[in-house]
């Protein structure tokens, strides 16, 4: 599997083609060695972003099912769900460090992944500069989440935040207590919905994977769907079957091709999430572009 996905990753994405034009040194970069050298980091980045994206869509689900009022952009609220759910503090577990480490070990890496994605897109010149009809621009999303990390658990995230060289901005403009405010706002609607706290809902996540495309000889055309399935199934027990907030309904998560659409979607009223294979592929290529650029400098 590693050899197969490495071969697929050797196809340069458009963003790196543009970087390549501006950097003559990159022409000397051995693509195979870059993929081999950074394979684990590239895959971890893509998986972390996929999980964080799913958390964003699950935020939309709770806004929908609990009829939470939105006075601004719902997409910003869904991003705040990522911060609320993936940032952990020992006091949330009554200083039971075993439970704290169990829940935070992977989750803290997931949220680092999505922050790095926005950071990388800015470096590559691929970020969204404008505020669209529903989403804030990438710089604002990057800032909002990293501000929550700095405030939510500074002991854990201090080095990570410092490495982004924006401490001067965060010290000036990052509101103290912002993560606590986000936590309390969401928790208001989750009263008795935390596992073991009271209300017993029986909903569960149902994961559905479309098959990868095959050619007329029966050979798989691309390995991204199979790779994503393997990686999601690795974390599904911890992530989906040990989810800390109860589900009032079943939630279908459909991993599928989206006719070239690089995105993920939640469908209000249907309690379904579509995660596009194209988005996972894009995460792989974003990380690959960064490592190409790193090796070419």
Foldseek 3Di string as FASTA:
>chain_A
DLVQVLVVLLPADPLLVVVCVVFVLLVPDDSSVLCVVCVVVLLLLLLLQLLLQVQLLVQVVCCQVLVPDDPDFVSVLSLLSLLQQLQFDCVVVVNPVVVRCLRNVVSVSSLLSLLVLLVLCVVSVNWDPCADPHHHTSVVSSVVNVLSVCQRCVVVCVVVSVVSVCVVVSVVPRDHCPNVVSNVVVVVSQQQFFPPRHDDADAFEDEAADDADADPVGHGPGCLSVVNVVSCVVCCCVPTVVPGGHDNHYAYEYEEADPLDQGKDHDRPVNYIYHYSNVSVVSSSSVSSVSSVVVSD
